[in-house]
Amino acid sequence: MSFFSSVVLVFAVAISSVAGFTPYGQTFQVQVGANGNLTFDPETIIANVGDTVVYNFHPKVGFPF
């Protein structure tokens, strides 16, 4: 690794640690319609760029409604 590459790497790590940035985003699991309720759980999330939101859809309880 060249000296320039080492300096850039150290600088990037320092900036990311100060900013609270992690190279891998957080994954949020949202339950949709759990227990027959037409709701989202959790109702709100605060996602950042790079985060993943996974929606888990549950079947409706009862027929036909």
N, C-alpha and C. Protein backbone atom coordinates (compact mmCIF):
# COMPACT_ATOMS: atom_id res chain seq x y z
N MET A 1 0.85 -1.17 0.00
CA MET A 1 0.00 0.00 0.00
C MET A 1 0.90 1.23 0.00
N SER A 2 0.58 2.18 -0.87
CA SER A 2 1.40 3.38 -0.97
C SER A 2 1.13 4.30 0.21
N PHE A 3 2.03 5.25 0.37
CA PHE A 3 1.87 6.22 1.46
C PHE A 3 0.58 7.00 1.28
N PHE A 4 0.28 7.42 0.05
CA PHE A 4 -0.93 8.20 -0.21
C PHE A 4 -2.18 7.39 0.15
N SER A 5 -2.21 6.11 -0.25
CA SER A 5 -3.35 5.25 0.08
C SER A 5 -3.52 5.09 1.58
N SER A 6 -2.41 4.98 2.30
CA SER A 6 -2.47 4.85 3.75
C SER A 6 -3.04 6.10 4.39
N VAL A 7 -2.62 7.27 3.91
CA VAL A 7 -3.11 8.54 4.45
C VAL A 7 -4.60 8.68 4.18
N VAL A 8 -5.04 8.34 2.97
CA VAL A 8 -6.45 8.43 2.63
C VAL A 8 -7.27 7.49 3.50
N LEU A 9 -6.80 6.27 3.71
CA LEU A 9 -7.50 5.30 4.54
C LEU A 9 -7.62 5.80 5.97
N VAL A 10 -6.55 6.30 6.54
CA VAL A 10 -6.57 6.81 7.91
C VAL A 10 -7.52 7.99 8.01
N PHE A 11 -7.50 8.87 7.03
CA PHE A 11 -8.38 10.04 7.03
C PHE A 11 -9.85 9.60 6.96
N ALA A 12 -10.15 8.62 6.09
CA ALA A 12 -11.53 8.13 5.95
C ALA A 12 -12.03 7.49 7.23
N VAL A 13 -11.20 6.72 7.89
CA VAL A 13 -11.59 6.08 9.14
C VAL A 13 -11.82 7.14 10.22
N ALA A 14 -10.97 8.15 10.27
CA ALA A 14 -11.12 9.20 11.27
C ALA A 14 -12.41 9.98 11.05
N ILE A 15 -12.70 10.33 9.82
CA ILE A 15 -13.92 11.07 9.52
C ILE A 15 -15.15 10.22 9.85
N SER A 16 -15.14 8.96 9.47
CA SER A 16 -16.31 8.12 9.71
C SER A 16 -16.55 7.89 11.19
N SER A 17 -15.50 7.79 11.97
CA SER A 17 -15.70 7.58 13.40
C SER A 17 -16.21 8.83 14.07
N VAL A 18 -15.80 10.00 13.61
CA VAL A 18 -16.28 11.26 14.17
C VAL A 18 -17.74 11.48 13.79
N ALA A 19 -18.10 11.15 12.57
CA ALA A 19 -19.46 11.39 12.09
C ALA A 19 -20.43 10.31 12.55
N GLY A 20 -19.94 9.25 13.17
CA GLY A 20 -20.82 8.16 13.60
C GLY A 20 -21.25 7.27 12.45
N PHE A 21 -20.57 7.37 11.35
CA PHE A 21 -20.90 6.57 10.16
C PHE A 21 -20.37 5.16 10.31
N THR A 22 -21.19 4.20 9.95
CA THR A 22 -20.72 2.82 9.87
C THR A 22 -20.81 2.40 8.41
N PRO A 23 -19.87 1.62 7.93
CA PRO A 23 -19.88 1.25 6.52
C PRO A 23 -21.06 0.37 6.12
N TYR A 24 -21.71 -0.24 7.07
CA TYR A 24 -22.85 -1.09 6.79
C TYR A 24 -24.07 -0.47 7.43
N GLY A 25 -25.14 -0.32 6.65
CA GLY A 25 -26.35 0.27 7.17
C GLY A 25 -27.06 -0.65 8.14
N GLN A 26 -27.98 -0.08 8.87
CA GLN A 26 -28.79 -0.82 9.83
C GLN A 26 -29.98 -1.42 9.10
N THR A 27 -30.46 -2.57 9.56
CA THR A 27 -31.64 -3.21 8.98
C THR A 27 -32.80 -3.08 9.95
N PHE A 28 -33.92 -2.56 9.44
CA PHE A 28 -35.13 -2.41 10.23
C PHE A 28 -36.15 -3.44 9.76
N GLN A 29 -36.77 -4.15 10.70
CA GLN A 29 -37.83 -5.11 10.41
C GLN A 29 -39.16 -4.47 10.78
N VAL A 30 -40.08 -4.36 9.82
CA VAL A 30 -41.40 -3.78 10.06
C VAL A 30 -42.44 -4.86 9.83
N GLN A 31 -43.25 -5.13 10.86
CA GLN A 31 -44.32 -6.11 10.77
C GLN A 31 -45.58 -5.40 10.27
N VAL A 32 -46.18 -5.94 9.21
CA VAL A 32 -47.38 -5.34 8.62
C VAL A 32 -48.53 -6.32 8.77
N GLY A 33 -49.58 -5.93 9.52
CA GLY A 33 -50.76 -6.77 9.68
C GLY A 33 -50.59 -7.93 10.64
N ALA A 34 -49.67 -7.84 11.59
CA ALA A 34 -49.48 -8.92 12.56
C ALA A 34 -50.72 -9.08 13.42
N ASN A 35 -51.07 -10.30 13.75
CA ASN A 35 -52.22 -10.63 14.61
C ASN A 35 -53.54 -10.13 14.04
N GLY A 36 -53.62 -9.99 12.72
CA GLY A 36 -54.86 -9.55 12.09
C GLY A 36 -55.10 -8.06 12.17
N ASN A 37 -54.18 -7.31 12.75
CA ASN A 37 -54.34 -5.85 12.85
C ASN A 37 -53.75 -5.20 11.60
N LEU A 38 -54.44 -4.23 11.06
CA LEU A 38 -53.94 -3.52 9.89
C LEU A 38 -53.04 -2.37 10.35
N THR A 39 -51.90 -2.73 10.90
CA THR A 39 -50.97 -1.75 11.44
C THR A 39 -49.54 -2.08 11.03
N PHE A 40 -48.68 -1.09 11.22
CA PHE A 40 -47.25 -1.28 11.05
C PHE A 40 -46.62 -1.31 12.44
N ASP A 41 -45.69 -2.23 12.65
CA ASP A 41 -45.00 -2.30 13.94
C ASP A 41 -43.50 -2.46 13.68
N PRO A 42 -42.71 -1.46 13.99
CA PRO A 42 -43.03 -0.20 14.64
C PRO A 42 -43.74 0.76 13.68
N GLU A 43 -44.46 1.72 14.25
CA GLU A 43 -45.19 2.68 13.44
C GLU A 43 -44.25 3.62 12.70
N THR A 44 -43.16 4.00 13.33
CA THR A 44 -42.20 4.91 12.70
C THR A 44 -40.78 4.39 12.92
N ILE A 45 -39.93 4.72 11.98
CA ILE A 45 -38.50 4.44 12.11
C ILE A 45 -37.77 5.66 11.58
N ILE A 46 -36.53 5.79 11.93
CA ILE A 46 -35.68 6.83 11.37
C ILE A 46 -34.53 6.11 10.66
N ALA A 47 -34.65 6.05 9.34
CA ALA A 47 -33.65 5.35 8.53
C ALA A 47 -32.75 6.37 7.85
N ASN A 48 -31.52 6.00 7.71
CA ASN A 48 -30.54 6.83 7.02
C ASN A 48 -30.23 6.23 5.66
N VAL A 49 -29.58 7.00 4.83
CA VAL A 49 -29.12 6.49 3.54
C VAL A 49 -28.22 5.29 3.80
N GLY A 50 -28.48 4.20 3.11
CA GLY A 50 -27.71 2.98 3.29
C GLY A 50 -28.37 1.97 4.20
N ASP A 51 -29.40 2.39 4.94
CA ASP A 51 -30.15 1.46 5.79
C ASP A 51 -31.11 0.64 4.92
N THR A 52 -31.55 -0.49 5.46
CA THR A 52 -32.49 -1.36 4.77
C THR A 52 -33.75 -1.49 5.61
N VAL A 53 -34.91 -1.38 4.96
CA VAL A 53 -36.19 -1.58 5.64
C VAL A 53 -36.82 -2.82 5.03
N VAL A 54 -37.09 -3.83 5.87
CA VAL A 54 -37.70 -5.08 5.42
C VAL A 54 -39.12 -5.12 5.97
N TYR A 55 -40.09 -5.20 5.06
CA TYR A 55 -41.49 -5.28 5.45
C TYR A 55 -41.91 -6.75 5.45
N ASN A 56 -42.40 -7.22 6.59
CA ASN A 56 -42.90 -8.59 6.73
C ASN A 56 -44.42 -8.54 6.76
N PHE A 57 -45.05 -8.97 5.67
CA PHE A 57 -46.51 -8.92 5.56
C PHE A 57 -47.12 -10.20 6.11
N HIS A 58 -48.15 -10.05 6.94
CA HIS A 58 -48.86 -11.17 7.55
C HIS A 58 -50.24 -11.30 6.90
N PRO A 59 -50.77 -12.52 6.84
CA PRO A 59 -52.08 -12.70 6.21
C PRO A 59 -53.21 -12.12 7.05
N LYS A 60 -54.30 -11.78 6.36
CA LYS A 60 -55.50 -11.30 7.06
C LYS A 60 -56.11 -12.46 7.82
N VAL A 61 -56.67 -12.17 9.00
CA VAL A 61 -57.33 -13.19 9.80
C VAL A 61 -58.82 -13.11 9.52
N GLY A 62 -59.44 -14.24 9.27
CA GLY A 62 -60.88 -14.27 9.02
C GLY A 62 -61.19 -14.21 7.54
N PHE A 63 -62.40 -14.59 7.20
CA PHE A 63 -62.81 -14.57 5.81
C PHE A 63 -64.21 -14.02 5.72
N PRO A 64 -64.58 -13.23 4.79
CA PRO A 64 -63.74 -12.66 3.74
C PRO A 64 -63.04 -11.38 4.16
N PHE A 65 -63.35 -10.86 5.35
CA PHE A 65 -62.72 -9.60 5.75
C PHE A 65 -61.88 -9.85 6.95
